Structures are given as C-alpha cells and as structure tokens.
C-alpha cells in the first residue's frame, strides 16, 4: 500500500495530473452509481463520455451529454479535497501504513 500511495503522490506532482480525494463525509454525489471518463479528442473532434456501470459500458457523443458530464465533473472537483489537501492526506496515510507492521 505504501508503494501505491507514494506512486500516486509522485504522479500528482506532474503538471498534467490532478489528484483529488472525494471524502465519504459528503455522502451521495452525482457519480456515486457509475464510473465515467470524459475523452477529449484532438483536431476539433467533439469529446466523448465513456460510462462504465453495472450493465456494461456506454459511449455518449451528443453535445448535451458531454455538457452534462462536464458539469458533473466540475461539481465533483468542487466538493473534493483540494489537490494540496489530497496530497497531505495521502502522505499521512502512507505514514500510517509504515508504522503498522
């Protein structure tokens, strides 16, 4: 576990990677029942939303769907810990795993 946490911290220091933890304290959130990824494509190609859920995978390509999932992602970012607070929490967790043997 320590190695995994250290790797996350290492990767989060890169300028193109943002890591934020969404705390259980917030309870249910707009993405609690599925996983999704917003795929941004090059050369004026519209984005795609990839959704993975209990019934399989779905790709959404309509502009209204992309807008809805971008809004959901923005909401998740706003309720998650900041990147700095996330890094502190991950570092604290790593230290706690090192002390437990």
N, C-alpha and C. Protein backbone atom coordinates (compact mmCIF):
# COMPACT_ATOMS: atom_id res chain seq x y z
N UNK A 1 0.81 -1.19 0.00
CA UNK A 1 0.00 0.00 0.00
C UNK A 1 0.86 1.26 0.00
N UNK A 2 1.93 1.24 0.75
CA UNK A 2 2.81 2.42 0.82
C UNK A 2 3.35 2.77 -0.56
N UNK A 3 3.79 1.76 -1.30
CA UNK A 3 4.33 2.00 -2.64
C UNK A 3 3.27 2.61 -3.56
N UNK A 4 2.04 2.15 -3.44
CA UNK A 4 0.97 2.70 -4.27
C UNK A 4 0.70 4.15 -3.93
N UNK A 5 0.64 4.45 -2.64
CA UNK A 5 0.40 5.83 -2.22
C UNK A 5 1.55 6.74 -2.65
N UNK A 6 2.78 6.27 -2.52
CA UNK A 6 3.93 7.05 -2.96
C UNK A 6 3.89 7.31 -4.46
N UNK A 7 3.45 6.32 -5.23
CA UNK A 7 3.35 6.48 -6.68
C UNK A 7 2.29 7.51 -7.03
N UNK A 8 1.17 7.49 -6.32
CA UNK A 8 0.13 8.49 -6.56
C UNK A 8 0.67 9.89 -6.27
N UNK A 9 1.39 10.05 -5.16
CA UNK A 9 1.99 11.35 -4.83
C UNK A 9 2.98 11.79 -5.90
N UNK A 10 3.80 10.85 -6.35
CA UNK A 10 4.79 11.15 -7.38
C UNK A 10 4.09 11.62 -8.67
N UNK A 11 3.07 10.91 -9.07
CA UNK A 11 2.36 11.26 -10.30
C UNK A 11 1.61 12.59 -10.15
N UNK A 12 1.08 12.85 -8.96
CA UNK A 12 0.31 14.08 -8.75
C UNK A 12 1.18 15.32 -8.81
N UNK A 13 2.48 15.15 -8.72
CA UNK A 13 3.40 16.30 -8.82
C UNK A 13 3.61 16.73 -10.27
N UNK A 14 3.19 15.91 -11.21
CA UNK A 14 3.34 16.26 -12.63
C UNK A 14 2.35 17.37 -12.99
N UNK A 15 2.75 18.26 -13.89
CA UNK A 15 1.88 19.41 -14.21
C UNK A 15 0.58 19.03 -14.93
N UNK A 16 0.54 17.87 -15.56
CA UNK A 16 -0.66 17.48 -16.31
C UNK A 16 -1.55 16.51 -15.56
N UNK A 17 -1.30 16.30 -14.27
CA UNK A 17 -2.09 15.36 -13.47
C UNK A 17 -2.59 16.07 -12.22
N UNK A 18 -3.89 15.93 -11.96
CA UNK A 18 -4.50 16.47 -10.75
C UNK A 18 -5.15 15.31 -10.01
N UNK A 19 -4.82 15.17 -8.74
CA UNK A 19 -5.40 14.12 -7.90
C UNK A 19 -6.19 14.80 -6.79
N UNK A 20 -7.46 14.40 -6.67
CA UNK A 20 -8.31 14.91 -5.60
C UNK A 20 -9.09 13.75 -5.01
N UNK A 21 -9.23 13.76 -3.69
CA UNK A 21 -9.99 12.72 -3.00
C UNK A 21 -11.37 13.26 -2.69
N UNK A 22 -12.37 12.43 -2.98
CA UNK A 22 -13.74 12.76 -2.66
C UNK A 22 -14.10 12.01 -1.38
N UNK A 23 -14.28 12.74 -0.32
CA UNK A 23 -14.50 12.17 1.01
C UNK A 23 -15.87 11.52 1.14
N UNK A 24 -15.92 10.44 1.91
CA UNK A 24 -17.19 9.78 2.21
C UNK A 24 -18.10 10.71 3.01
N UNK A 25 -17.53 11.69 3.69
CA UNK A 25 -18.31 12.61 4.51
C UNK A 25 -19.36 13.37 3.69
N UNK A 26 -19.11 13.53 2.38
CA UNK A 26 -20.07 14.24 1.53
C UNK A 26 -21.27 13.39 1.17
N UNK A 27 -21.20 12.11 1.46
CA UNK A 27 -22.33 11.22 1.15
C UNK A 27 -22.48 11.02 -0.34
N UNK A 28 -23.72 10.84 -0.75
CA UNK A 28 -24.01 10.59 -2.17
C UNK A 28 -23.59 11.79 -3.01
N UNK A 29 -23.12 11.51 -4.19
CA UNK A 29 -22.71 12.55 -5.12
C UNK A 29 -23.20 12.17 -6.52
N UNK A 30 -23.10 13.05 -7.49
CA UNK A 30 -23.68 12.80 -8.81
C UNK A 30 -23.09 11.60 -9.56
N UNK A 31 -21.96 11.09 -9.14
CA UNK A 31 -21.35 9.97 -9.85
C UNK A 31 -21.23 8.73 -8.98
N UNK A 32 -22.05 8.65 -7.94
CA UNK A 32 -21.90 7.55 -6.99
C UNK A 32 -22.34 6.19 -7.54
N UNK A 33 -23.10 6.17 -8.60
CA UNK A 33 -23.59 4.89 -9.12
C UNK A 33 -22.88 4.41 -10.37
N UNK A 34 -21.93 5.15 -10.88
CA UNK A 34 -21.21 4.71 -12.08
C UNK A 34 -19.85 5.40 -12.16
N UNK A 35 -19.03 4.88 -13.02
CA UNK A 35 -17.73 5.49 -13.32
C UNK A 35 -17.83 6.10 -14.71
N UNK A 36 -17.17 7.22 -14.90
CA UNK A 36 -17.17 7.80 -16.24
C UNK A 36 -15.84 8.48 -16.50
N UNK A 37 -15.54 8.59 -17.78
CA UNK A 37 -14.35 9.32 -18.23
C UNK A 37 -14.78 10.21 -19.38
N UNK A 38 -14.28 11.43 -19.38
CA UNK A 38 -14.55 12.35 -20.47
C UNK A 38 -13.31 12.34 -21.36
N UNK A 39 -13.51 11.89 -22.58
CA UNK A 39 -12.40 11.78 -23.52
C UNK A 39 -12.37 13.02 -24.40
N UNK A 40 -11.29 13.77 -24.30
CA UNK A 40 -11.13 14.95 -25.14
C UNK A 40 -10.24 14.56 -26.31
N UNK A 41 -10.73 14.81 -27.51
CA UNK A 41 -10.05 14.37 -28.72
C UNK A 41 -9.43 15.56 -29.44
N UNK A 42 -8.38 15.32 -30.23
CA UNK A 42 -7.69 16.41 -30.92
C UNK A 42 -8.44 16.89 -32.17
N UNK A 43 -7.99 18.00 -32.70
CA UNK A 43 -8.41 18.50 -34.01
C UNK A 43 -9.90 18.77 -34.14
N UNK A 44 -10.45 19.54 -33.23
CA UNK A 44 -11.85 19.95 -33.31
C UNK A 44 -12.84 18.78 -33.26
N UNK A 45 -12.39 17.60 -32.91
CA UNK A 45 -13.28 16.45 -32.78
C UNK A 45 -14.04 16.58 -31.46
N UNK A 46 -15.36 16.42 -31.50
CA UNK A 46 -16.11 16.53 -30.25
C UNK A 46 -15.67 15.47 -29.24
N UNK A 47 -15.83 15.76 -27.98
CA UNK A 47 -15.47 14.82 -26.94
C UNK A 47 -16.46 13.67 -26.86
N UNK A 48 -16.10 12.69 -26.06
CA UNK A 48 -16.94 11.51 -25.85
C UNK A 48 -16.95 11.22 -24.36
N UNK A 49 -18.10 10.81 -23.85
CA UNK A 49 -18.20 10.37 -22.47
C UNK A 49 -18.27 8.85 -22.47
N UNK A 50 -17.36 8.23 -21.74
CA UNK A 50 -17.35 6.78 -21.58
C UNK A 50 -17.88 6.48 -20.18
N UNK A 51 -18.95 5.70 -20.12
CA UNK A 51 -19.58 5.37 -18.84
C UNK A 51 -19.48 3.87 -18.62
N UNK A 52 -19.04 3.50 -17.44
CA UNK A 52 -18.95 2.09 -17.08
C UNK A 52 -19.85 1.86 -15.87
N UNK A 53 -20.79 0.95 -16.00
CA UNK A 53 -21.71 0.68 -14.92
C UNK A 53 -22.00 -0.80 -14.79
N UNK A 54 -23.01 -1.11 -14.01
CA UNK A 54 -23.36 -2.50 -13.75
C UNK A 54 -23.83 -3.24 -15.00
N UNK A 55 -24.39 -2.53 -15.95
CA UNK A 55 -24.90 -3.20 -17.14
C UNK A 55 -23.93 -3.17 -18.32
N UNK A 56 -22.75 -2.63 -18.12
CA UNK A 56 -21.75 -2.60 -19.18
C UNK A 56 -21.25 -1.19 -19.44
N UNK A 57 -20.70 -1.01 -20.62
CA UNK A 57 -20.10 0.28 -20.99
C UNK A 57 -20.96 0.98 -22.04
N UNK A 58 -20.96 2.31 -21.98
CA UNK A 58 -21.72 3.13 -22.91
C UNK A 58 -20.85 4.31 -23.34
N UNK A 59 -20.98 4.69 -24.60
CA UNK A 59 -20.31 5.87 -25.11
C UNK A 59 -21.37 6.90 -25.49
N UNK A 60 -21.23 8.12 -24.98
CA UNK A 60 -22.16 9.20 -25.30
C UNK A 60 -21.42 10.24 -26.12
N UNK A 61 -22.00 10.63 -27.24
CA UNK A 61 -21.31 11.55 -28.14
C UNK A 61 -22.06 12.86 -28.37
N UNK A 62 -23.28 12.98 -27.88
CA UNK A 62 -24.04 14.19 -28.12
C UNK A 62 -23.53 15.33 -27.24
N UNK A 63 -23.59 16.54 -27.78
CA UNK A 63 -23.08 17.71 -27.07
C UNK A 63 -23.76 17.90 -25.72
N UNK A 64 -25.07 17.64 -25.64
CA UNK A 64 -25.78 17.82 -24.35
C UNK A 64 -25.28 16.84 -23.30
N UNK A 65 -24.92 15.62 -23.72
CA UNK A 65 -24.38 14.64 -22.78
C UNK A 65 -23.00 15.05 -22.30
N UNK A 66 -22.17 15.51 -23.22
CA UNK A 66 -20.83 15.98 -22.86
C UNK A 66 -20.92 17.15 -21.89
N UNK A 67 -21.83 18.07 -22.15
CA UNK A 67 -22.01 19.21 -21.25
C UNK A 67 -22.47 18.75 -19.86
N UNK A 68 -23.43 17.81 -19.82
CA UNK A 68 -23.93 17.32 -18.53
C UNK A 68 -22.82 16.66 -17.72
N UNK A 69 -22.00 15.84 -18.37
CA UNK A 69 -20.93 15.16 -17.64
C UNK A 69 -19.78 16.10 -17.28
N UNK A 70 -19.54 17.12 -18.08
CA UNK A 70 -18.57 18.14 -17.69
C UNK A 70 -19.06 18.89 -16.46
N UNK A 71 -20.36 19.17 -16.39
CA UNK A 71 -20.93 19.82 -15.20
C UNK A 71 -20.79 18.92 -13.97
N UNK A 72 -21.07 17.63 -14.14
CA UNK A 72 -20.93 16.68 -13.02
C UNK A 72 -19.48 16.64 -12.55
N UNK A 73 -18.55 16.59 -13.51
CA UNK A 73 -17.13 16.55 -13.15
C UNK A 73 -16.73 17.81 -12.39
N UNK A 74 -17.21 18.96 -12.84
CA UNK A 74 -16.91 20.22 -12.14
C UNK A 74 -17.46 20.20 -10.71
N UNK A 75 -18.66 19.65 -10.55
CA UNK A 75 -19.24 19.55 -9.21
C UNK A 75 -18.40 18.64 -8.31
N UNK A 76 -17.96 17.50 -8.88
CA UNK A 76 -17.11 16.59 -8.10
C UNK A 76 -15.81 17.27 -7.68
N UNK A 77 -15.21 18.03 -8.58
CA UNK A 77 -13.98 18.76 -8.24
C UNK A 77 -14.23 19.77 -7.13
N UNK A 78 -15.40 20.39 -7.14
CA UNK A 78 -15.67 21.43 -6.15
C UNK A 78 -15.92 20.86 -4.75
N UNK A 79 -16.44 19.62 -4.65
CA UNK A 79 -16.69 19.05 -3.33
C UNK A 79 -15.55 18.16 -2.83
N UNK A 80 -14.61 17.85 -3.72
CA UNK A 80 -13.45 17.03 -3.32
C UNK A 80 -12.43 17.88 -2.57
N UNK A 81 -11.53 17.20 -1.87
CA UNK A 81 -10.41 17.91 -1.25
C UNK A 81 -9.58 18.59 -2.33
N UNK A 82 -8.96 19.69 -1.98
CA UNK A 82 -8.08 20.37 -2.93
C UNK A 82 -6.90 19.44 -3.25
N UNK A 83 -6.21 19.68 -4.36
CA UNK A 83 -5.03 18.86 -4.65
C UNK A 83 -4.00 18.88 -3.52
N UNK A 84 -3.80 20.03 -2.89
CA UNK A 84 -2.83 20.12 -1.79
C UNK A 84 -3.30 19.32 -0.57
N UNK A 85 -4.57 19.46 -0.22
CA UNK A 85 -5.11 18.70 0.91
C UNK A 85 -5.11 17.21 0.62
N UNK A 86 -5.38 16.86 -0.63
CA UNK A 86 -5.32 15.46 -1.04
C UNK A 86 -3.92 14.90 -0.85
N UNK A 87 -2.91 15.65 -1.29
CA UNK A 87 -1.52 15.20 -1.15
C UNK A 87 -1.15 15.01 0.32
N UNK A 88 -1.61 15.92 1.17
CA UNK A 88 -1.34 15.79 2.61
C UNK A 88 -2.00 14.53 3.18
N UNK A 89 -3.24 14.29 2.78
CA UNK A 89 -3.94 13.10 3.27
C UNK A 89 -3.26 11.82 2.80
N UNK A 90 -2.86 11.78 1.55
CA UNK A 90 -2.18 10.60 1.02
C UNK A 90 -0.86 10.38 1.75
N UNK A 91 -0.12 11.45 2.00
CA UNK A 91 1.15 11.33 2.73
C UNK A 91 0.90 10.82 4.15
N UNK A 92 -0.13 11.35 4.81
CA UNK A 92 -0.48 10.88 6.16
C UNK A 92 -0.85 9.40 6.15
N UNK A 93 -1.63 8.98 5.16
CA UNK A 93 -1.99 7.57 5.06
C UNK A 93 -0.75 6.70 4.86
N UNK A 94 0.16 7.18 4.01
CA UNK A 94 1.40 6.44 3.79
C UNK A 94 2.19 6.27 5.07
N UNK A 95 2.28 7.35 5.86
CA UNK A 95 3.00 7.27 7.14
C UNK A 95 2.32 6.29 8.09
N UNK A 96 0.99 6.29 8.08
CA UNK A 96 0.28 5.38 8.99
C UNK A 96 0.50 3.92 8.59
N UNK A 97 0.60 3.64 7.30
CA UNK A 97 0.87 2.27 6.86
C UNK A 97 2.30 1.83 7.20
N UNK A 98 3.22 2.79 7.20
CA UNK A 98 4.62 2.44 7.54
C UNK A 98 4.75 2.06 8.99
N UNK A 99 3.91 2.66 9.86
CA UNK A 99 4.03 2.38 11.30
C UNK A 99 3.32 1.10 11.70
N UNK A 100 2.40 0.63 10.87
CA UNK A 100 1.69 -0.63 11.16
C UNK A 100 2.42 -1.77 10.48
N UNK A 101 2.82 -2.76 11.24
CA UNK A 101 3.56 -3.88 10.64
C UNK A 101 2.91 -5.19 10.96
